Amino acid sequence: MDKSSLLEILEDWNFWKKEMETGVERTDYVEKCLRFLKTNVIVGVIGVRRSGKSYIMRQAIRKLIERGTDRKDVLMVNFEDRRFADYHPKLLDEVYDTYLEVLKPGRSHFVILDEVQNVPEWERWVRTMHELGKAKIVVSGSSSKLLSGELATVLTGRHLDILVSPLSFKEFLRFKNIEIRNQVDIVASKVKIKTAFNEYVEFGGFPEVVLSEDKKQLLLTYFDDILTKDIERRYKLKETEKLRALTRFYFTNISNTITFNSIRKFLSTSTNTIEKFSSYLEEANILFFVKRFSFKVKEQEKAARKVYATDIGLANAVGFKSSQNIGKIAENIVAAEIKRRATTSGEEVYYWQDYQKKEVDFVVKKGLKIRQLIQVSWDISEYKTKEREIKALHKASRELKCNNLLVITGGYEAEEAFAGKKISFLPLWKWVMT
C-alpha cells in the first residue's frame, strides 16, 4: 500500500489529532495492561471476538496520554480494517515505517497491534522489534492459540497475557449506570440489581449487546462472525455445517457432561473430527470444558468433561432453550465467573463425581489445596433436592478435605449445619457481586 493510504487508515484509529471513543472503562483490564507494559515483555490481549479488547486497548492509550505520554508516541493498528486489502509479511514494516516517517515518535513509544493474527509471519516481526528494544508492544487476537501457540513458540518467557471475557455482572451494572460501592448500595438498589440480573441471565455480557436494542440479532451475528472468521477461514474448513451443528449441540447442552465419542453418533462423523472441532471452538474462546477432579492426571483426561459457554447470552441465542433449564443456565454463569476470576487468582476449576454419580459442580483448587467446593442448585425448596445436593457436598468435603462449602441458589440465603459441617447458601445474583 502507498503511504498516503496507510496514513489515512492509521489516523482513523489513533489519538494523534482527535479524541477517540473509549466507552465505559473496564478498569481492572486497563490497569493490568499498563502494569505489564512497565516490564520488558510483550503484552498479549486475547479473548472471544467482540468481548471489548479494542476498547480496553483504547482506554489504556487514553490513560497513557493522561499520565504524560505524547499522543504521537502511541501507534494502534486495527488489522480488521477492510481497507487493508492485502495481508502480506511486509505489511507491518510498511505500517511502522510510515508511522516513523510521518509522526517521528520519541525513542520510547508504544505499538499496539489489534487482531494481528491476520498478518502472515507477524510473530517474527514482533520478536525482532522486542529484541532490538524499538518499542513497547501489545498484540491482540481472538484466538487463545495466538499466545499459547504461535507467540509462545518464538517468545518463550517474554510475554504476559491478559484474557478478556465478556462483562462480569459487576461490570454489567456499571454499563447500566448502576453504581454499587458497598452493602448499603446493594440494599438501596436491590430491585434495579435484580432486574438487571434477569437481563444478564438472558442476554449475557457482550458490551455492545448490553447497550443494544436488538440483542438477539446481534448475538446471532457474533455467532456467525466467530465461526466464520476465527475457525472456518483460519483452518480452511470444508465441513462448516458440522462445526455449526456441534456448536449448537454444545450450547443446547451447557453444564452437561459430554464425551467426544457420544457426540460422534449425533453428528455422524469421527471422534477425531469432534475432538478437533472442539479444540477450535475452545481456541476461539467461544466455550470451554471443565474436567472431573482426580488426583491422577490420567483419570482426569479419560473422564467425561462438562461444557460451558463463555457467554450465556450466546448460548441462549443459539442453543435450544426450554423453561426447565434455568438450573443449567445458572451453573454456566457460575462456571464463567469462576473462570474469569481464576485468570487473576491462579486457581484451577474442576467438577467432582464419585462412583455412585454423586456430583459437586465445582472444585476450586489453588496450588495443592482445595480452596472451595461449590454446588449450584436453583430451587432447593423440595426436601429431597436439598438433601441430595448437601449429601454430595458433604461427601466431597470429607474426601477432598475442604470445609469451605457453598450452595448457590435462585433466592435462598442462609447458613446451616449438616453432619458437623457449616454450609453457606447464597443467591446467584448476590454471589456474582462478591
Protein backbone atom coordinates (compact mmCIF):
# COMPACT_ATOMS: atom_id res chain seq x y z
CA MET A 1 0.00 0.00 0.00
CA ASP A 2 1.15 3.55 -0.63
CA LYS A 3 1.98 5.72 2.37
CA SER A 4 -0.90 8.15 1.96
CA SER A 5 -3.43 5.28 2.08
CA LEU A 6 -1.73 3.77 5.11
CA LEU A 7 -1.64 7.10 6.89
CA GLU A 8 -5.35 7.63 6.23
CA ILE A 9 -6.13 4.29 7.90
CA LEU A 10 -3.80 4.93 10.84
CA GLU A 11 -5.19 8.39 11.56
CA ASP A 12 -8.67 6.90 11.90
CA TRP A 13 -7.53 4.54 14.68
CA ASN A 14 -5.29 6.85 16.71
CA PHE A 15 -5.44 9.76 19.16
CA TRP A 16 -2.90 11.85 17.24
CA LYS A 17 -5.28 14.59 16.09
CA LYS A 18 -8.55 13.78 17.84
CA GLU A 19 -10.19 12.11 20.79
CA MET A 20 -11.30 8.52 20.26
CA GLU A 21 -14.42 6.87 21.66
CA THR A 22 -13.32 4.70 24.59
CA GLY A 23 -16.64 3.56 26.07
CA VAL A 24 -17.18 2.52 29.68
CA GLU A 25 -13.81 1.91 31.31
CA ARG A 26 -13.00 -1.65 32.35
CA THR A 27 -10.51 -0.60 34.97
CA ASP A 28 -9.10 -3.99 36.02
CA TYR A 29 -8.04 -4.88 32.48
CA VAL A 30 -6.68 -1.40 31.74
CA GLU A 31 -4.56 -1.24 34.88
CA LYS A 32 -3.23 -4.74 34.30
CA CYS A 33 -2.23 -3.78 30.75
CA LEU A 34 -0.43 -0.64 31.95
CA ARG A 35 1.28 -2.59 34.72
CA PHE A 36 2.53 -5.21 32.26
CA LEU A 37 3.79 -2.50 29.89
CA LYS A 38 6.19 -1.31 32.60
CA THR A 39 8.06 -4.61 32.30
CA ASN A 40 10.28 -5.67 29.44
CA VAL A 41 7.75 -8.04 27.89
CA ILE A 42 5.23 -8.16 25.08
CA VAL A 43 1.65 -7.84 26.33
CA GLY A 44 -0.90 -10.19 24.78
CA VAL A 45 -4.60 -9.33 24.96
CA ILE A 46 -6.81 -12.25 23.96
CA GLY A 47 -10.47 -13.12 24.25
CA VAL A 48 -13.57 -14.05 22.32
CA ARG A 49 -14.40 -11.74 19.41
CA ARG A 50 -16.48 -8.69 20.49
CA SER A 51 -15.56 -9.05 24.16
CA GLY A 52 -14.18 -5.50 24.18
CA LYS A 53 -10.44 -5.95 23.57
CA SER A 54 -10.12 -2.97 21.21
CA TYR A 55 -11.90 -0.63 23.62
CA ILE A 56 -9.74 -1.80 26.50
CA MET A 57 -6.62 -1.00 24.49
CA ARG A 58 -8.01 2.43 23.60
CA GLN A 59 -8.71 3.01 27.29
CA ALA A 60 -5.11 2.05 28.06
CA ILE A 61 -3.88 4.51 25.43
CA ARG A 62 -6.02 7.28 26.93
CA LYS A 63 -4.54 6.53 30.38
CA LEU A 64 -1.00 6.69 28.95
CA ILE A 65 -1.76 10.10 27.43
CA GLU A 66 -3.34 11.34 30.68
CA ARG A 67 -0.22 10.24 32.54
CA GLY A 68 2.14 12.17 30.28
CA THR A 69 2.82 10.10 27.16
CA ASP A 70 2.88 12.21 23.98
CA ARG A 71 -0.01 11.31 21.64
CA LYS A 72 2.37 10.70 18.74
CA ASP A 73 4.26 8.10 20.83
CA VAL A 74 1.42 5.57 20.60
CA LEU A 75 0.58 3.69 17.40
CA MET A 76 -2.52 1.50 17.23
CA VAL A 77 -3.28 -0.60 14.15
CA ASN A 78 -6.55 -2.49 13.67
CA PHE A 79 -5.93 -5.27 11.18
CA GLU A 80 -9.66 -5.93 10.89
CA ASP A 81 -9.94 -2.67 8.91
CA ARG A 82 -11.28 -3.63 5.49
CA ARG A 83 -9.04 -1.08 3.79
CA PHE A 84 -6.11 -3.45 4.36
CA ALA A 85 -6.78 -5.20 1.08
CA ASP A 86 -3.74 -7.47 1.16
CA TYR A 87 -2.17 -9.05 4.24
CA HIS A 88 1.43 -9.87 3.43
CA PRO A 89 4.61 -10.34 5.53
CA LYS A 90 5.93 -6.85 4.70
CA LEU A 91 2.76 -5.05 5.78
CA LEU A 92 3.98 -4.49 9.34
CA ASP A 93 7.22 -2.94 8.05
CA GLU A 94 5.23 -0.65 5.74
CA VAL A 95 2.92 0.46 8.56
CA TYR A 96 5.74 1.03 11.04
CA ASP A 97 7.97 2.88 8.54
CA THR A 98 5.07 5.20 7.65
CA TYR A 99 4.49 5.88 11.35
CA LEU A 100 8.18 6.68 11.97
CA GLU A 101 8.46 8.91 8.91
CA VAL A 102 5.31 10.96 9.44
CA LEU A 103 4.86 11.08 13.23
CA LYS A 104 8.52 10.99 14.23
CA PRO A 105 7.83 9.46 17.67
CA GLY A 106 10.26 9.65 20.56
CA ARG A 107 12.63 6.82 21.38
CA SER A 108 10.23 5.33 23.94
CA HIS A 109 7.00 4.60 22.10
CA PHE A 110 4.19 2.03 22.05
CA VAL A 111 2.96 -0.17 19.20
CA ILE A 112 -0.46 -1.81 19.65
CA LEU A 113 -1.45 -4.40 17.04
CA ASP A 114 -5.13 -5.38 17.11
CA GLU A 115 -6.20 -8.73 15.55
CA VAL A 116 -2.60 -9.19 14.47
CA GLN A 117 -3.10 -12.85 13.52
CA ASN A 118 -4.42 -11.61 10.15
CA VAL A 119 -0.86 -10.71 9.12
CA PRO A 120 1.43 -13.57 7.96
CA GLU A 121 4.66 -14.01 9.95
CA TRP A 122 3.69 -11.33 12.47
CA GLU A 123 5.46 -13.28 15.23
CA ARG A 124 8.88 -12.76 13.61
CA TRP A 125 8.31 -9.04 13.28
CA VAL A 126 7.19 -8.71 16.89
CA ARG A 127 10.15 -10.77 18.14
CA THR A 128 12.62 -8.65 16.19
CA MET A 129 11.13 -5.40 17.45
CA HIS A 130 11.21 -6.69 21.01
CA GLU A 131 14.77 -7.98 20.83
CA LEU A 132 16.01 -4.71 19.35
CA GLY A 133 14.15 -2.74 22.03
CA LYS A 134 12.49 -0.48 19.47
CA ALA A 135 9.06 -0.23 21.09
CA LYS A 136 6.76 -1.46 23.85
CA ILE A 137 4.40 -3.87 22.10
CA VAL A 138 0.84 -5.03 22.71
CA VAL A 139 -0.72 -7.66 20.46
CA SER A 140 -4.35 -8.77 20.50
CA GLY A 141 -6.39 -11.51 18.91
CA SER A 142 -9.48 -13.66 19.28
CA SER A 143 -7.71 -17.00 19.32
CA SER A 144 -6.12 -18.32 22.52
CA LYS A 145 -3.67 -20.15 20.26
CA LEU A 146 -2.33 -16.72 19.34
CA LEU A 147 -0.32 -16.71 22.55
CA SER A 148 -0.29 -20.31 23.74
CA GLY A 149 0.96 -21.44 20.34
CA GLU A 150 2.36 -19.02 17.76
CA LEU A 151 3.78 -16.33 20.01
CA ALA A 152 4.89 -18.62 22.82
CA THR A 153 6.94 -20.66 20.35
CA VAL A 154 9.15 -17.72 19.42
CA LEU A 155 8.91 -15.70 22.63
CA THR A 156 9.17 -18.20 25.46
CA GLY A 157 9.05 -16.30 28.74
CA ARG A 158 8.92 -12.90 27.03
CA HIS A 159 5.21 -12.16 27.10
CA LEU A 160 2.44 -11.66 29.66
CA ASP A 161 -1.15 -12.43 28.75
CA ILE A 162 -4.47 -10.78 29.57
CA LEU A 163 -7.58 -12.88 28.93
CA VAL A 164 -10.56 -10.61 28.26
CA SER A 165 -14.02 -12.02 28.94
CA PRO A 166 -17.46 -10.58 28.23
CA LEU A 167 -18.66 -8.36 31.07
CA SER A 168 -18.87 -9.72 34.59
CA PHE A 169 -22.12 -8.82 36.33
CA LYS A 170 -20.36 -6.08 38.30
CA GLU A 171 -19.14 -4.57 35.01
CA PHE A 172 -22.62 -5.08 33.54
CA LEU A 173 -24.07 -2.89 36.31
CA ARG A 174 -21.60 -0.11 35.51
CA PHE A 175 -22.67 -0.28 31.85
CA LYS A 176 -26.25 0.13 33.11
CA ASN A 177 -25.20 3.13 35.25
CA ILE A 178 -25.98 1.29 38.48
CA GLU A 179 -23.21 2.25 40.91
CA ILE A 180 -22.51 -0.25 43.69
CA ARG A 181 -19.85 0.80 46.21
CA ASN A 182 -20.92 -1.03 49.36
CA GLN A 183 -23.63 -3.11 51.04
CA VAL A 184 -25.82 -0.03 51.55
CA ASP A 185 -25.93 0.49 47.77
CA ILE A 186 -26.91 -3.16 47.28
CA VAL A 187 -29.83 -2.83 49.68
CA ALA A 188 -30.92 0.53 48.23
CA SER A 189 -30.73 -0.69 44.62
CA LYS A 190 -31.93 -4.27 45.13
CA VAL A 191 -34.86 -4.02 42.70
CA LYS A 192 -32.71 -2.43 39.97
CA ILE A 193 -29.97 -5.01 40.51
CA LYS A 194 -32.35 -7.97 40.26
CA THR A 195 -33.97 -6.51 37.12
CA ALA A 196 -30.53 -6.06 35.58
CA PHE A 197 -29.57 -9.59 36.62
CA ASN A 198 -32.58 -11.05 34.79
CA GLU A 199 -31.38 -9.29 31.63
CA TYR A 200 -27.84 -10.57 32.21
CA VAL A 201 -29.13 -14.15 32.54
CA GLU A 202 -30.99 -13.82 29.23
CA PHE A 203 -28.57 -11.86 27.04
CA GLY A 204 -25.15 -12.18 28.69
CA GLY A 205 -22.34 -9.66 28.83
CA PHE A 206 -21.01 -8.77 25.39
CA PRO A 207 -20.52 -4.99 25.73
CA GLU A 208 -22.29 -3.95 22.52
CA VAL A 209 -25.17 -6.34 23.21
CA VAL A 210 -25.68 -4.80 26.66
CA LEU A 211 -26.06 -1.37 25.06
CA SER A 212 -28.07 -2.55 22.03
CA GLU A 213 -31.83 -2.73 21.50
CA ASP A 214 -31.70 -5.66 19.06
CA LYS A 215 -29.81 -8.02 21.35
CA LYS A 216 -30.65 -11.45 19.94
CA GLN A 217 -29.92 -10.49 16.33
CA LEU A 218 -26.56 -9.06 17.38
CA LEU A 219 -25.72 -12.29 19.26
CA LEU A 220 -26.57 -14.36 16.17
CA THR A 221 -24.31 -12.11 14.10
CA TYR A 222 -21.49 -12.66 16.63
CA PHE A 223 -22.02 -16.41 16.41
CA ASP A 224 -21.62 -16.33 12.64
CA ASP A 225 -18.60 -13.99 12.76
CA ILE A 226 -16.75 -16.08 15.35
CA LEU A 227 -17.22 -19.33 13.47
CA THR A 228 -16.53 -17.83 10.05
CA LYS A 229 -13.53 -15.62 10.83
CA ASP A 230 -11.86 -17.36 13.76
CA ILE A 231 -12.34 -21.00 12.78
CA GLU A 232 -13.60 -21.73 9.25
CA ARG A 233 -11.30 -19.30 7.45
CA ARG A 234 -8.38 -19.81 9.80
CA TYR A 235 -8.39 -23.60 9.39
CA LYS A 236 -9.87 -23.65 5.87
CA LEU A 237 -12.68 -25.96 6.95
CA LYS A 238 -14.94 -27.62 4.42
CA GLU A 239 -17.33 -29.30 6.89
CA THR A 240 -18.72 -25.99 8.12
CA GLU A 241 -22.24 -27.31 8.75
CA LYS A 242 -20.88 -30.00 11.07
CA LEU A 243 -18.92 -27.36 13.00
CA ARG A 244 -22.07 -25.27 13.41
CA ALA A 245 -24.15 -28.29 14.39
CA LEU A 246 -21.57 -29.22 17.01
CA THR A 247 -21.56 -25.69 18.42
CA ARG A 248 -25.36 -25.62 18.62
CA PHE A 249 -25.26 -29.02 20.33
CA TYR A 250 -22.81 -27.72 22.95
CA PHE A 251 -24.87 -24.57 23.54
CA THR A 252 -28.02 -26.66 23.94
CA ASN A 253 -26.22 -28.91 26.45
CA ILE A 254 -24.38 -26.34 28.59
CA SER A 255 -23.46 -27.58 32.08
CA ASN A 256 -23.78 -31.23 30.98
CA THR A 257 -21.09 -33.89 30.89
CA ILE A 258 -20.04 -34.93 27.39
CA THR A 259 -17.64 -37.32 25.67
CA PHE A 260 -16.43 -36.90 22.12
CA ASN A 261 -17.35 -40.50 21.40
CA SER A 262 -21.01 -39.98 22.35
CA ILE A 263 -21.28 -36.85 20.15
CA ARG A 264 -19.84 -38.79 17.22
CA LYS A 265 -23.17 -40.59 16.78
CA PHE A 266 -25.11 -37.32 16.86
CA LEU A 267 -23.02 -35.75 14.08
CA SER A 268 -22.32 -38.96 12.12
CA THR A 269 -18.61 -38.20 11.97
CA SER A 270 -15.38 -39.45 13.52
CA THR A 271 -14.29 -38.92 17.12
CA ASN A 272 -11.13 -37.26 15.79
CA THR A 273 -13.22 -34.67 13.93
CA ILE A 274 -15.28 -33.95 17.05
CA GLU A 275 -12.12 -33.54 19.12
CA LYS A 276 -10.51 -31.29 16.51
CA PHE A 277 -13.58 -29.07 16.10
CA SER A 278 -13.98 -28.85 19.89
CA SER A 279 -10.39 -27.64 20.24
CA TYR A 280 -11.04 -24.97 17.59
CA LEU A 281 -14.10 -23.75 19.50
CA GLU A 282 -12.09 -23.60 22.72
CA GLU A 283 -9.26 -21.74 20.98
CA ALA A 284 -11.77 -19.18 19.69
CA ASN A 285 -12.84 -18.70 23.33
CA ILE A 286 -16.49 -19.30 22.48
CA LEU A 287 -16.76 -22.16 25.02
CA PHE A 288 -14.65 -24.10 27.49
CA PHE A 289 -14.52 -27.51 29.16
CA VAL A 290 -14.12 -28.42 32.82
CA LYS A 291 -12.50 -31.74 33.74
CA ARG A 292 -13.52 -34.10 36.50
CA PHE A 293 -11.31 -33.79 39.58
CA SER A 294 -8.92 -36.61 40.29
CA PHE A 295 -5.55 -36.83 41.97
CA LYS A 296 -4.46 -38.84 38.91
CA VAL A 297 -3.96 -36.86 35.70
CA LYS A 298 -4.71 -39.90 33.54
CA GLU A 299 -8.14 -40.26 35.15
CA GLN A 300 -8.87 -36.56 34.56
CA GLU A 301 -8.11 -36.91 30.86
CA LYS A 302 -10.21 -40.06 30.38
CA ALA A 303 -13.32 -38.88 32.26
CA ALA A 304 -16.24 -37.04 30.68
CA ARG A 305 -15.97 -33.24 30.67
CA LYS A 306 -18.56 -30.57 31.33
CA VAL A 307 -19.12 -27.94 28.64
CA TYR A 308 -19.85 -24.27 29.27
CA ALA A 309 -20.41 -21.21 27.07
CA THR A 310 -18.09 -18.26 27.57
CA ASP A 311 -21.15 -16.01 27.37
CA ILE A 312 -24.59 -17.25 28.44
CA GLY A 313 -26.36 -14.86 26.05
CA LEU A 314 -24.68 -16.51 23.08
CA ALA A 315 -25.73 -19.96 24.30
CA ASN A 316 -29.32 -18.78 24.82
CA ALA A 317 -29.47 -17.25 21.33
CA VAL A 318 -28.02 -20.25 19.51
CA GLY A 319 -28.92 -23.34 21.55
CA PHE A 320 -32.36 -24.86 22.04
CA LYS A 321 -33.78 -23.45 25.25
CA SER A 322 -36.68 -24.52 27.45
CA SER A 323 -38.05 -23.12 30.71
CA GLN A 324 -36.70 -26.17 32.54
CA ASN A 325 -33.01 -25.33 32.01
CA ILE A 326 -32.68 -22.32 34.35
CA GLY A 327 -30.54 -24.51 36.64
CA LYS A 328 -28.13 -25.25 33.78
CA ILE A 329 -28.01 -21.55 32.86
CA ALA A 330 -27.23 -20.63 36.48
CA GLU A 331 -24.44 -23.23 36.61
CA ASN A 332 -22.96 -21.85 33.37
CA ILE A 333 -22.94 -18.31 34.78
CA VAL A 334 -21.09 -19.59 37.86
CA ALA A 335 -18.59 -21.52 35.70
CA ALA A 336 -17.82 -18.46 33.55
CA GLU A 337 -17.39 -16.26 36.63
CA ILE A 338 -15.06 -18.75 38.34
CA LYS A 339 -13.01 -18.97 35.14
CA ARG A 340 -12.88 -15.17 34.91
CA ARG A 341 -11.67 -14.85 38.50
CA ALA A 342 -9.14 -17.65 38.02
CA THR A 343 -7.23 -15.57 35.44
CA THR A 344 -6.22 -13.29 38.32
CA SER A 345 -6.17 -15.69 41.27
CA GLY A 346 -4.27 -18.52 39.55
CA GLU A 347 -6.92 -21.03 40.65
CA GLU A 348 -7.98 -24.16 38.79
CA VAL A 349 -11.55 -25.42 38.48
CA TYR A 350 -12.93 -28.97 38.20
CA TYR A 351 -16.13 -30.85 38.96
CA TRP A 352 -16.29 -33.80 41.35
CA GLN A 353 -18.14 -37.08 40.93
CA ASP A 354 -17.94 -40.38 42.82
CA TYR A 355 -18.69 -43.93 41.69
CA GLN A 356 -22.33 -43.52 42.79
CA LYS A 357 -22.69 -40.49 40.48
CA LYS A 358 -22.95 -38.08 43.41
CA GLU A 359 -21.72 -34.79 41.99
CA VAL A 360 -20.41 -31.41 43.11
CA ASP A 361 -20.45 -28.79 40.38
CA PHE A 362 -17.19 -27.00 41.14
CA VAL A 363 -13.95 -27.84 42.91
CA VAL A 364 -11.82 -24.69 43.18
CA LYS A 365 -8.15 -25.57 43.66
CA LYS A 366 -5.13 -23.35 44.25
CA GLY A 367 -1.72 -24.94 44.32
CA LEU A 368 -2.02 -28.22 46.24
CA LYS A 369 -5.04 -27.08 48.26
CA ILE A 370 -8.75 -27.42 47.53
CA ARG A 371 -9.95 -23.92 48.38
CA GLN A 372 -13.72 -24.24 47.95
CA LEU A 373 -16.50 -26.62 46.93
CA ILE A 374 -19.49 -25.06 45.16
CA GLN A 375 -22.86 -26.60 44.39
CA VAL A 376 -25.36 -24.79 42.15
CA SER A 377 -28.99 -25.57 42.90
CA TRP A 378 -31.55 -23.07 41.64
CA ASP A 379 -34.56 -24.38 43.57
CA ILE A 380 -33.97 -26.23 46.84
CA SER A 381 -37.45 -25.78 48.23
CA GLU A 382 -38.05 -29.53 47.96
CA TYR A 383 -36.51 -31.53 50.79
CA LYS A 384 -35.24 -34.34 48.51
CA THR A 385 -33.45 -31.89 46.23
CA LYS A 386 -31.79 -30.08 49.09
CA GLU A 387 -30.78 -33.35 50.78
CA ARG A 388 -29.25 -34.70 47.55
CA GLU A 389 -27.18 -31.56 46.95
CA ILE A 390 -25.97 -31.33 50.56
CA LYS A 391 -25.06 -35.02 50.82
CA ALA A 392 -22.90 -34.81 47.70
CA LEU A 393 -21.23 -31.65 49.03
CA HIS A 394 -20.62 -33.29 52.40
CA LYS A 395 -19.08 -36.41 50.86
CA ALA A 396 -16.77 -34.35 48.61
CA SER A 397 -15.83 -32.26 51.64
CA ARG A 398 -14.66 -35.35 53.54
CA GLU A 399 -12.88 -36.87 50.54
CA LEU A 400 -11.11 -33.67 49.46
CA LYS A 401 -10.56 -32.28 52.99
CA CYS A 402 -12.25 -28.96 52.31
CA ASN A 403 -14.69 -27.24 54.69
CA ASN A 404 -15.39 -24.11 52.64
CA LEU A 405 -18.80 -25.21 51.33
CA LEU A 406 -21.19 -23.09 49.30
CA VAL A 407 -24.55 -23.72 47.64
CA ILE A 408 -25.51 -21.06 45.08
CA THR A 409 -29.30 -20.78 44.75
CA GLY A 410 -32.03 -18.93 42.92
CA GLY A 411 -33.05 -16.99 46.02
CA TYR A 412 -32.48 -18.89 49.27
CA GLU A 413 -29.93 -17.37 51.67
CA ALA A 414 -28.83 -18.90 54.96
CA GLU A 415 -26.09 -20.67 56.89
CA GLU A 416 -26.82 -24.21 58.00
CA ALA A 417 -25.02 -27.05 59.75
CA PHE A 418 -25.04 -30.57 58.32
CA ALA A 419 -23.27 -33.52 59.95
CA GLY A 420 -20.84 -31.20 61.73
CA LYS A 421 -20.05 -29.01 58.71
CA LYS A 422 -21.17 -25.43 58.02
CA ILE A 423 -22.76 -24.82 54.62
CA SER A 424 -23.48 -21.35 53.21
CA PHE A 425 -26.42 -20.72 50.88
CA LEU A 426 -26.27 -17.59 48.70
CA PRO A 427 -28.46 -16.34 45.82
CA LEU A 428 -26.68 -16.25 42.46
CA TRP A 429 -27.29 -12.52 41.93
CA LYS A 430 -25.51 -11.80 45.21
CA TRP A 431 -22.65 -14.25 44.59
CA VAL A 432 -21.71 -12.70 41.25
CA MET A 433 -21.29 -9.38 43.07
CA THR A 434 -18.88 -10.73 45.72
